[in-house]
N, C-alpha and C. Protein backbone atom coordinates (compact mmCIF):
# COMPACT_ATOMS: atom_id res chain seq x y z
N MET A 1 0.81 -1.19 0.00
CA MET A 1 0.00 0.00 0.00
C MET A 1 0.86 1.27 0.00
N ARG A 2 1.92 1.23 0.80
CA ARG A 2 2.80 2.38 0.89
C ARG A 2 3.51 2.64 -0.43
N SER A 3 3.97 1.56 -1.09
CA SER A 3 4.65 1.73 -2.38
C SER A 3 3.67 2.25 -3.43
N MET A 4 2.42 1.86 -3.35
CA MET A 4 1.41 2.36 -4.29
C MET A 4 1.21 3.86 -4.10
N PHE A 5 1.22 4.30 -2.84
CA PHE A 5 1.08 5.72 -2.54
C PHE A 5 2.24 6.51 -3.15
N PHE A 6 3.48 6.03 -2.96
CA PHE A 6 4.63 6.72 -3.52
C PHE A 6 4.60 6.73 -5.04
N PHE A 7 4.14 5.64 -5.62
CA PHE A 7 4.01 5.58 -7.07
C PHE A 7 3.02 6.63 -7.57
N LEU A 8 1.88 6.76 -6.91
CA LEU A 8 0.88 7.75 -7.30
C LEU A 8 1.40 9.18 -7.13
N VAL A 9 2.11 9.43 -6.05
CA VAL A 9 2.70 10.75 -5.83
C VAL A 9 3.72 11.05 -6.92
N PHE A 10 4.53 10.07 -7.27
CA PHE A 10 5.53 10.24 -8.33
C PHE A 10 4.85 10.57 -9.66
N CYS A 11 3.83 9.79 -10.02
CA CYS A 11 3.11 10.03 -11.29
C CYS A 11 2.46 11.41 -11.30
N PHE A 12 1.86 11.78 -10.20
CA PHE A 12 1.20 13.08 -10.10
C PHE A 12 2.21 14.21 -10.23
N SER A 13 3.39 14.06 -9.62
CA SER A 13 4.40 15.11 -9.71
C SER A 13 4.93 15.26 -11.12
N ILE A 14 5.05 14.18 -11.87
CA ILE A 14 5.49 14.25 -13.26
C ILE A 14 4.45 14.99 -14.10
N MET A 15 3.18 14.69 -13.85
CA MET A 15 2.12 15.36 -14.61
C MET A 15 2.07 16.85 -14.31
N LEU A 16 2.40 17.26 -13.11
CA LEU A 16 2.32 18.66 -12.72
C LEU A 16 3.57 19.46 -13.03
N GLN A 17 4.64 18.82 -13.46
CA GLN A 17 5.90 19.51 -13.66
C GLN A 17 5.77 20.76 -14.54
N PRO A 18 5.13 20.70 -15.72
CA PRO A 18 5.00 21.93 -16.51
C PRO A 18 4.20 23.02 -15.80
N HIS A 19 3.18 22.63 -15.03
CA HIS A 19 2.39 23.61 -14.30
C HIS A 19 3.22 24.28 -13.22
N ILE A 20 4.05 23.51 -12.56
CA ILE A 20 4.89 24.06 -11.50
C ILE A 20 5.86 25.07 -12.08
N ILE A 21 6.45 24.76 -13.22
CA ILE A 21 7.38 25.69 -13.87
C ILE A 21 6.68 27.00 -14.17
N CYS A 22 5.49 26.93 -14.75
CA CYS A 22 4.78 28.15 -15.12
C CYS A 22 4.27 28.90 -13.89
N LEU A 23 3.88 28.20 -12.85
CA LEU A 23 3.48 28.88 -11.63
C LEU A 23 4.67 29.61 -11.03
N TRP A 24 5.83 28.96 -11.07
CA TRP A 24 7.04 29.61 -10.59
C TRP A 24 7.33 30.85 -11.41
N GLU A 25 7.19 30.72 -12.71
CA GLU A 25 7.47 31.86 -13.58
C GLU A 25 6.51 33.01 -13.30
N ARG A 26 5.25 32.70 -13.10
CA ARG A 26 4.26 33.74 -12.83
C ARG A 26 4.55 34.46 -11.51
N LYS A 27 5.02 33.70 -10.54
CA LYS A 27 5.20 34.26 -9.22
C LYS A 27 6.54 34.98 -9.07
N ASP A 28 7.63 34.31 -9.44
CA ASP A 28 8.96 34.84 -9.16
C ASP A 28 9.59 35.57 -10.33
N ASP A 29 9.35 35.12 -11.54
CA ASP A 29 10.03 35.66 -12.70
C ASP A 29 9.02 36.34 -13.61
N LYS A 30 8.12 37.05 -12.99
CA LYS A 30 7.03 37.67 -13.73
C LYS A 30 7.58 38.73 -14.68
N MET A 31 7.12 38.68 -15.91
CA MET A 31 7.59 39.61 -16.91
C MET A 31 6.53 40.69 -17.11
N ASN A 32 6.50 41.65 -16.22
CA ASN A 32 5.51 42.71 -16.33
C ASN A 32 5.83 43.69 -17.43
N THR A 33 7.10 43.91 -17.67
CA THR A 33 7.50 44.88 -18.68
C THR A 33 8.53 44.26 -19.58
N ALA A 34 8.75 44.91 -20.69
CA ALA A 34 9.75 44.42 -21.63
C ALA A 34 11.15 44.52 -21.04
N LYS A 35 11.32 45.36 -20.00
CA LYS A 35 12.63 45.49 -19.37
C LYS A 35 13.10 44.17 -18.76
N ASP A 36 12.16 43.27 -18.48
CA ASP A 36 12.49 42.01 -17.84
C ASP A 36 12.83 40.90 -18.82
N LEU A 37 12.94 41.21 -20.10
CA LEU A 37 13.22 40.18 -21.10
C LEU A 37 14.60 39.58 -20.89
N HIS A 38 14.66 38.28 -20.96
CA HIS A 38 15.94 37.57 -20.92
C HIS A 38 15.91 36.53 -22.03
N PHE A 39 16.79 36.70 -23.00
CA PHE A 39 16.86 35.74 -24.11
C PHE A 39 17.82 34.62 -23.74
N ASP A 40 17.31 33.40 -23.78
CA ASP A 40 18.11 32.23 -23.42
C ASP A 40 19.02 31.79 -24.55
N VAL A 41 18.58 32.00 -25.79
CA VAL A 41 19.35 31.60 -26.97
C VAL A 41 19.55 32.84 -27.83
N LEU A 42 20.81 33.19 -28.08
CA LEU A 42 21.15 34.31 -28.95
C LEU A 42 22.06 33.80 -30.05
N MET A 43 21.74 34.14 -31.30
CA MET A 43 22.57 33.73 -32.44
C MET A 43 22.65 34.88 -33.43
N THR A 44 23.85 35.16 -33.90
CA THR A 44 24.04 36.24 -34.87
C THR A 44 24.56 35.68 -36.19
N ASP A 45 24.21 36.38 -37.25
CA ASP A 45 24.67 36.04 -38.61
C ASP A 45 24.51 34.55 -38.92
N VAL A 46 23.35 34.02 -38.60
CA VAL A 46 23.07 32.61 -38.86
C VAL A 46 23.03 32.38 -40.36
N ARG A 47 23.73 31.35 -40.79
CA ARG A 47 23.76 31.01 -42.22
C ARG A 47 22.68 29.98 -42.50
N ALA A 48 21.64 30.44 -43.15
CA ALA A 48 20.52 29.56 -43.49
C ALA A 48 19.95 30.03 -44.83
N GLN A 49 19.44 29.09 -45.59
CA GLN A 49 18.88 29.40 -46.90
C GLN A 49 17.36 29.51 -46.85
N THR A 50 16.73 28.70 -45.99
CA THR A 50 15.28 28.60 -45.97
C THR A 50 14.75 28.64 -44.54
N GLN A 51 13.45 28.77 -44.43
CA GLN A 51 12.79 28.74 -43.13
C GLN A 51 13.03 27.40 -42.44
N SER A 52 13.02 26.32 -43.20
CA SER A 52 13.27 24.99 -42.62
C SER A 52 14.66 24.91 -42.01
N ASN A 53 15.67 25.48 -42.70
CA ASN A 53 17.03 25.51 -42.15
C ASN A 53 17.08 26.29 -40.83
N VAL A 54 16.36 27.40 -40.81
CA VAL A 54 16.32 28.23 -39.59
C VAL A 54 15.74 27.42 -38.44
N PHE A 55 14.65 26.71 -38.70
CA PHE A 55 14.01 25.92 -37.65
C PHE A 55 14.93 24.80 -37.16
N GLU A 56 15.67 24.17 -38.05
CA GLU A 56 16.61 23.12 -37.64
C GLU A 56 17.70 23.68 -36.74
N ILE A 57 18.24 24.83 -37.11
CA ILE A 57 19.30 25.47 -36.32
C ILE A 57 18.75 25.89 -34.96
N LEU A 58 17.58 26.51 -34.96
CA LEU A 58 16.96 26.93 -33.70
C LEU A 58 16.67 25.73 -32.81
N ALA A 59 16.15 24.67 -33.38
CA ALA A 59 15.83 23.47 -32.59
C ALA A 59 17.08 22.89 -31.94
N LYS A 60 18.17 22.83 -32.69
CA LYS A 60 19.41 22.29 -32.15
C LYS A 60 19.92 23.14 -30.98
N GLU A 61 19.81 24.45 -31.09
CA GLU A 61 20.29 25.34 -30.03
C GLU A 61 19.33 25.40 -28.83
N ALA A 62 18.03 25.34 -29.10
CA ALA A 62 17.03 25.53 -28.04
C ALA A 62 16.67 24.24 -27.31
N ALA A 63 16.89 23.10 -27.93
CA ALA A 63 16.45 21.82 -27.35
C ALA A 63 16.94 21.60 -25.92
N PRO A 64 18.23 21.80 -25.62
CA PRO A 64 18.66 21.56 -24.24
C PRO A 64 17.95 22.48 -23.23
N SER A 65 17.71 23.71 -23.60
CA SER A 65 17.04 24.65 -22.69
C SER A 65 15.56 24.34 -22.53
N CYS A 66 14.94 23.81 -23.58
CA CYS A 66 13.50 23.50 -23.55
C CYS A 66 13.19 22.17 -22.89
N GLY A 67 14.19 21.33 -22.71
CA GLY A 67 13.96 20.02 -22.12
C GLY A 67 13.31 19.05 -23.07
N VAL A 68 13.62 19.17 -24.35
CA VAL A 68 13.05 18.30 -25.38
C VAL A 68 14.12 18.06 -26.44
N ASP A 69 14.01 16.95 -27.16
CA ASP A 69 15.04 16.68 -28.18
C ASP A 69 14.80 17.53 -29.42
N ALA A 70 15.87 17.76 -30.17
CA ALA A 70 15.84 18.65 -31.33
C ALA A 70 14.87 18.18 -32.41
N ASP A 71 14.78 16.87 -32.64
CA ASP A 71 13.88 16.35 -33.68
C ASP A 71 12.42 16.68 -33.36
N THR A 72 12.05 16.56 -32.10
CA THR A 72 10.68 16.90 -31.70
C THR A 72 10.42 18.38 -31.91
N LEU A 73 11.40 19.22 -31.58
CA LEU A 73 11.23 20.66 -31.80
C LEU A 73 11.08 20.99 -33.28
N VAL A 74 11.88 20.36 -34.12
CA VAL A 74 11.77 20.61 -35.57
C VAL A 74 10.37 20.26 -36.06
N ARG A 75 9.85 19.12 -35.62
CA ARG A 75 8.49 18.73 -36.03
C ARG A 75 7.46 19.75 -35.53
N LEU A 76 7.62 20.22 -34.29
CA LEU A 76 6.71 21.23 -33.76
C LEU A 76 6.79 22.52 -34.57
N PHE A 77 8.01 22.94 -34.88
CA PHE A 77 8.20 24.17 -35.64
C PHE A 77 7.57 24.06 -37.02
N ASP A 78 7.81 22.94 -37.70
CA ASP A 78 7.22 22.75 -39.03
C ASP A 78 5.70 22.73 -38.97
N LYS A 79 5.17 22.11 -37.92
CA LYS A 79 3.71 22.02 -37.77
C LYS A 79 3.08 23.40 -37.58
N HIS A 80 3.76 24.28 -36.85
CA HIS A 80 3.21 25.60 -36.52
C HIS A 80 3.77 26.72 -37.38
N ALA A 81 4.56 26.41 -38.39
CA ALA A 81 5.25 27.44 -39.17
C ALA A 81 4.30 28.45 -39.81
N ASP A 82 3.20 27.98 -40.37
CA ASP A 82 2.31 28.88 -41.10
C ASP A 82 1.43 29.73 -40.19
N ASP A 83 0.99 29.18 -39.09
CA ASP A 83 0.03 29.91 -38.26
C ASP A 83 0.64 30.61 -37.05
N ARG A 84 1.93 30.43 -36.79
CA ARG A 84 2.53 31.02 -35.60
C ARG A 84 3.72 31.93 -35.91
N THR A 85 3.84 32.39 -37.15
CA THR A 85 4.92 33.30 -37.54
C THR A 85 4.30 34.65 -37.85
N PHE A 86 4.62 35.66 -37.05
CA PHE A 86 4.01 36.97 -37.18
C PHE A 86 5.04 38.01 -37.60
N ALA A 87 4.76 38.70 -38.69
CA ALA A 87 5.63 39.79 -39.13
C ALA A 87 5.28 41.04 -38.33
N LEU A 88 6.30 41.83 -38.04
CA LEU A 88 6.08 43.09 -37.34
C LEU A 88 6.12 44.24 -38.34
N GLU A 89 5.74 45.42 -37.86
CA GLU A 89 5.75 46.60 -38.73
C GLU A 89 7.15 46.89 -39.25
N GLU A 90 8.14 46.65 -38.43
CA GLU A 90 9.53 46.83 -38.85
C GLU A 90 9.84 45.78 -39.91
N GLU A 91 10.28 46.20 -41.08
CA GLU A 91 10.52 45.25 -42.17
C GLU A 91 11.63 44.27 -41.82
N GLY A 92 11.41 43.02 -42.18
CA GLY A 92 12.42 41.99 -41.99
C GLY A 92 12.44 41.37 -40.61
N VAL A 93 11.41 41.60 -39.80
CA VAL A 93 11.38 41.09 -38.43
C VAL A 93 10.15 40.21 -38.24
N VAL A 94 10.35 39.01 -37.70
CA VAL A 94 9.23 38.13 -37.38
C VAL A 94 9.38 37.60 -35.96
N ILE A 95 8.23 37.24 -35.39
CA ILE A 95 8.20 36.53 -34.11
C ILE A 95 7.54 35.19 -34.38
N PHE A 96 8.21 34.14 -33.94
CA PHE A 96 7.68 32.79 -34.07
C PHE A 96 7.38 32.31 -32.66
N ASP A 97 6.15 31.87 -32.42
CA ASP A 97 5.82 31.41 -31.07
C ASP A 97 5.14 30.05 -31.12
N VAL A 98 5.51 29.22 -30.16
CA VAL A 98 4.92 27.89 -30.03
C VAL A 98 4.71 27.60 -28.56
N ALA A 99 3.50 27.15 -28.24
CA ALA A 99 3.20 26.63 -26.91
C ALA A 99 2.80 25.17 -27.11
N SER A 100 3.51 24.26 -26.45
CA SER A 100 3.29 22.83 -26.69
C SER A 100 3.49 22.03 -25.42
N ILE A 101 2.80 20.90 -25.35
CA ILE A 101 2.98 19.99 -24.22
C ILE A 101 4.37 19.35 -24.23
N HIS A 102 5.04 19.35 -25.37
CA HIS A 102 6.37 18.75 -25.47
C HIS A 102 7.46 19.64 -24.88
N ILE A 103 7.24 20.94 -24.87
CA ILE A 103 8.22 21.87 -24.33
C ILE A 103 8.08 21.89 -22.81
N LYS A 104 9.18 21.65 -22.12
CA LYS A 104 9.15 21.55 -20.65
C LYS A 104 9.48 22.87 -19.96
N THR A 105 10.35 23.67 -20.57
CA THR A 105 10.81 24.92 -19.97
C THR A 105 10.64 26.06 -20.97
N PRO A 106 10.06 27.18 -20.56
CA PRO A 106 9.89 28.30 -21.49
C PRO A 106 11.23 28.98 -21.80
N ILE A 107 11.41 29.37 -23.05
CA ILE A 107 12.62 30.10 -23.44
C ILE A 107 12.28 31.18 -24.46
N LEU A 108 13.19 32.13 -24.56
CA LEU A 108 13.15 33.15 -25.61
C LEU A 108 14.43 33.01 -26.42
N ALA A 109 14.31 33.15 -27.73
CA ALA A 109 15.47 33.08 -28.61
C ALA A 109 15.46 34.27 -29.56
N MET A 110 16.65 34.74 -29.91
CA MET A 110 16.78 35.84 -30.87
C MET A 110 17.84 35.43 -31.88
N MET A 111 17.50 35.58 -33.16
CA MET A 111 18.42 35.21 -34.23
C MET A 111 18.49 36.35 -35.25
N THR A 112 19.70 36.60 -35.75
CA THR A 112 19.85 37.45 -36.93
C THR A 112 20.48 36.59 -38.01
N PHE A 113 20.19 36.93 -39.25
CA PHE A 113 20.66 36.11 -40.37
C PHE A 113 21.66 36.87 -41.22
N ASP A 114 22.53 36.13 -41.89
CA ASP A 114 23.54 36.76 -42.72
C ASP A 114 22.97 37.26 -44.05
N ARG A 115 21.72 36.92 -44.34
CA ARG A 115 21.03 37.37 -45.56
C ARG A 115 19.54 37.36 -45.29
N ASP A 116 18.79 37.97 -46.19
CA ASP A 116 17.33 37.92 -46.08
C ASP A 116 16.84 36.52 -46.43
N ILE A 117 15.90 36.02 -45.64
CA ILE A 117 15.36 34.67 -45.83
C ILE A 117 13.87 34.78 -46.10
N ASP A 118 13.41 34.00 -47.06
CA ASP A 118 11.99 33.98 -47.39
C ASP A 118 11.25 33.15 -46.35
N PHE A 119 10.47 33.82 -45.52
CA PHE A 119 9.67 33.16 -44.50
C PHE A 119 8.23 33.10 -44.96
N ASN A 120 7.46 32.22 -44.35
CA ASN A 120 6.03 32.16 -44.63
C ASN A 120 5.29 33.10 -43.69
N ALA A 121 5.82 34.30 -43.53
CA ALA A 121 5.16 35.28 -42.68
C ALA A 121 3.96 35.88 -43.42
N MET A 122 3.08 36.51 -42.66
CA MET A 122 1.86 37.04 -43.26
C MET A 122 2.13 38.09 -44.34
N ASP A 123 3.17 38.89 -44.18
CA ASP A 123 3.43 39.94 -45.16
C ASP A 123 4.26 39.45 -46.35
N ARG A 124 4.73 38.21 -46.29
CA ARG A 124 5.50 37.57 -47.37
C ARG A 124 6.78 38.32 -47.72
N LYS A 125 7.31 39.12 -46.80
CA LYS A 125 8.55 39.84 -47.05
C LYS A 125 9.71 39.05 -46.46
N PRO A 126 10.91 39.21 -47.04
CA PRO A 126 12.07 38.49 -46.51
C PRO A 126 12.41 38.95 -45.09
N VAL A 127 13.04 38.06 -44.35
CA VAL A 127 13.30 38.26 -42.92
C VAL A 127 14.79 38.21 -42.65
N ASN A 128 15.28 39.10 -41.76
CA ASN A 128 16.67 39.01 -41.33
C ASN A 128 16.81 39.04 -39.80
N ILE A 129 15.70 39.16 -39.09
CA ILE A 129 15.68 39.07 -37.62
C ILE A 129 14.49 38.21 -37.22
N MET A 130 14.73 37.23 -36.34
CA MET A 130 13.63 36.40 -35.85
C MET A 130 13.76 36.23 -34.34
N ALA A 131 12.66 36.45 -33.65
CA ALA A 131 12.56 36.13 -32.23
C ALA A 131 11.67 34.91 -32.11
N ALA A 132 11.98 34.03 -31.17
CA ALA A 132 11.16 32.85 -30.93
C ALA A 132 10.76 32.82 -29.46
N VAL A 133 9.48 32.57 -29.23
CA VAL A 133 8.93 32.44 -27.88
C VAL A 133 8.39 31.02 -27.78
N LEU A 134 9.05 30.19 -26.97
CA LEU A 134 8.69 28.78 -26.83
C LEU A 134 8.28 28.53 -25.38
N SER A 135 7.09 27.95 -25.20
CA SER A 135 6.56 27.75 -23.85
C SER A 135 5.83 26.43 -23.73
N PRO A 136 5.76 25.88 -22.51
CA PRO A 136 4.87 24.75 -22.28
C PRO A 136 3.42 25.18 -22.52
N GLN A 137 2.61 24.27 -22.97
CA GLN A 137 1.19 24.57 -23.24
C GLN A 137 0.50 25.12 -22.00
N SER A 138 0.91 24.65 -20.85
CA SER A 138 0.26 25.03 -19.59
C SER A 138 0.51 26.49 -19.20
N CYS A 139 1.42 27.18 -19.87
CA CYS A 139 1.72 28.57 -19.50
C CYS A 139 0.62 29.55 -19.91
N GLY A 140 -0.18 29.19 -20.89
CA GLY A 140 -1.33 29.99 -21.30
C GLY A 140 -1.08 31.48 -21.40
N PRO A 141 -1.67 32.29 -20.51
CA PRO A 141 -1.55 33.74 -20.59
C PRO A 141 -0.12 34.25 -20.43
N VAL A 142 0.70 33.54 -19.69
CA VAL A 142 2.09 33.95 -19.53
C VAL A 142 2.81 33.90 -20.87
N HIS A 143 2.50 32.88 -21.68
CA HIS A 143 3.08 32.78 -23.02
C HIS A 143 2.69 34.00 -23.85
N LEU A 144 1.43 34.35 -23.82
CA LEU A 144 0.96 35.51 -24.59
C LEU A 144 1.60 36.80 -24.11
N GLN A 145 1.81 36.91 -22.82
CA GLN A 145 2.48 38.09 -22.27
C GLN A 145 3.92 38.18 -22.76
N ARG A 146 4.59 37.04 -22.84
CA ARG A 146 5.97 37.01 -23.34
C ARG A 146 6.01 37.43 -24.81
N VAL A 147 5.06 36.94 -25.61
CA VAL A 147 4.99 37.33 -27.03
C VAL A 147 4.76 38.84 -27.14
N ALA A 148 3.86 39.37 -26.34
CA ALA A 148 3.57 40.81 -26.38
C ALA A 148 4.79 41.64 -26.00
N ASN A 149 5.54 41.20 -24.99
CA ASN A 149 6.73 41.94 -24.58
C ASN A 149 7.81 41.92 -25.65
N VAL A 150 8.02 40.77 -26.27
CA VAL A 150 9.01 40.68 -27.36
C VAL A 150 8.57 41.57 -28.51
N SER A 151 7.30 41.53 -28.85
CA SER A 151 6.77 42.36 -29.93
C SER A 151 6.96 43.84 -29.64
N ARG A 152 6.70 44.24 -28.42
CA ARG A 152 6.84 45.65 -28.04
C ARG A 152 8.28 46.13 -28.21
N VAL A 153 9.23 45.33 -27.80
CA VAL A 153 10.64 45.71 -27.91
C VAL A 153 11.08 45.76 -29.37
N LEU A 154 10.65 44.78 -30.16
CA LEU A 154 11.10 44.70 -31.55
C LEU A 154 10.43 45.73 -32.46
N ARG A 155 9.53 46.52 -31.95
CA ARG A 155 8.96 47.61 -32.74
C ARG A 155 9.91 48.80 -32.82
N SER A 156 10.98 48.77 -32.05
CA SER A 156 11.96 49.85 -32.05
C SER A 156 12.86 49.75 -33.28
N TYR A 157 12.79 50.76 -34.12
CA TYR A 157 13.64 50.81 -35.32
C TYR A 157 15.12 50.80 -34.93
N ASP A 158 15.47 51.55 -33.88
CA ASP A 158 16.86 51.63 -33.45
C ASP A 158 17.39 50.28 -32.97
N LEU A 159 16.57 49.54 -32.23
CA LEU A 159 16.99 48.22 -31.78
C LEU A 159 17.20 47.29 -32.96
N CYS A 160 16.27 47.28 -33.90
CA CYS A 160 16.40 46.39 -35.06
C CYS A 160 17.62 46.73 -35.89
N THR A 161 17.91 48.01 -36.03
CA THR A 161 19.12 48.43 -36.75
C THR A 161 20.36 47.94 -36.01
N ALA A 162 20.38 48.10 -34.69
CA ALA A 162 21.51 47.64 -33.88
C ALA A 162 21.66 46.12 -33.96
N LEU A 163 20.54 45.39 -33.96
CA LEU A 163 20.60 43.93 -34.07
C LEU A 163 21.22 43.51 -35.40
N ARG A 164 20.87 44.20 -36.47
CA ARG A 164 21.42 43.86 -37.79
C ARG A 164 22.93 44.13 -37.84
N ASP A 165 23.40 45.10 -37.07
CA ASP A 165 24.82 45.47 -37.09
C ASP A 165 25.68 44.64 -36.15
N VAL A 166 25.07 43.99 -35.18
CA VAL A 166 25.83 43.26 -34.16
C VAL A 166 26.49 42.03 -34.78
N ASP A 167 27.71 41.70 -34.29
CA ASP A 167 28.42 40.57 -34.90
C ASP A 167 28.77 39.45 -33.92
N ASN A 168 28.34 39.56 -32.66
CA ASN A 168 28.56 38.45 -31.72
C ASN A 168 27.47 38.46 -30.65
N THR A 169 27.33 37.34 -29.97
CA THR A 169 26.23 37.19 -29.01
C THR A 169 26.40 38.07 -27.77
N ASP A 170 27.64 38.35 -27.38
CA ASP A 170 27.85 39.22 -26.22
C ASP A 170 27.34 40.63 -26.51
N ALA A 171 27.64 41.12 -27.71
CA ALA A 171 27.15 42.44 -28.10
C ALA A 171 25.62 42.43 -28.20
N MET A 172 25.06 41.32 -28.67
CA MET A 172 23.60 41.22 -28.76
C MET A 172 22.99 41.23 -27.36
N ARG A 173 23.60 40.53 -26.43
CA ARG A 173 23.08 40.49 -25.06
C ARG A 173 23.06 41.89 -24.44
N VAL A 174 24.07 42.69 -24.75
CA VAL A 174 24.13 44.06 -24.23
C VAL A 174 22.94 44.88 -24.74
N LEU A 175 22.51 44.61 -25.97
CA LEU A 175 21.37 45.36 -26.53
C LEU A 175 20.09 45.16 -25.72
N PHE A 176 20.00 44.05 -24.99
CA PHE A 176 18.79 43.76 -24.22
C PHE A 176 18.95 44.05 -22.73
N MET A 177 19.98 44.81 -22.38
CA MET A 177 20.15 45.22 -20.99
C MET A 177 19.04 46.21 -20.63
N PRO A 178 18.57 46.18 -19.39
CA PRO A 178 17.44 47.04 -19.00
C PRO A 178 17.69 48.54 -19.14
N ASN A 179 18.96 48.97 -19.17
CA ASN A 179 19.24 50.40 -19.24
C ASN A 179 19.28 50.95 -20.67
N GLN A 180 19.09 50.11 -21.67
CA GLN A 180 19.06 50.58 -23.06
C GLN A 180 17.79 51.39 -23.30
N ASP A 181 17.89 52.41 -24.14
CA ASP A 181 16.75 53.31 -24.39
C ASP A 181 15.50 52.57 -24.85
N TRP A 182 15.66 51.62 -25.79
CA TRP A 182 14.49 50.91 -26.31
C TRP A 182 13.87 49.99 -25.27
N MET A 183 14.67 49.53 -24.32
CA MET A 183 14.12 48.70 -23.25
C MET A 183 13.36 49.58 -22.24
N LEU A 184 13.86 50.77 -21.99
CA LEU A 184 13.18 51.69 -21.08
C LEU A 184 11.87 52.19 -21.69
N ALA A 185 11.89 52.44 -22.99
CA ALA A 185 10.69 52.95 -23.67
C ALA A 185 9.60 51.89 -23.74
N ALA A 186 10.01 50.64 -23.87
CA ALA A 186 9.02 49.56 -23.99
C ALA A 186 8.39 49.30 -22.64
């Protein structure tokens, strides 16, 4: 009887793991403003020819942080490519967001490309900056808040220009420091 109890507690804790992560995020790491953005994956001058190549590269980099294998992420990205890629007013900038039961830990990623890439974004314009918001399905409104914060920051023409000019991840990380003008304005 006692071993059955421990087994049930173990199973229940596994089922609640994504909920616990998101509850923790809501309580302790709440992203009320764009100033609180922290990008887990930063990549500059990514060499890719197509949207599929971009998703493969992103999956390989993001998989360890998301708690899922890269092949599963690629399948998720391909599945959601058409309906979850949003172009912003700033030309050449898209946000890709996915909320899935397969993703265990929420992350933000920022990528710049060495050339314009044809994405299946709504405006059908080539892209040279992409942000990705990946969350467990259970995050619900927190996921949408993260997408809104990333969108708000990427509306800055000055930030997008600086992102295109940056040549390493350390310089890119500095662009998202809370004391930057575009972070304060957002």
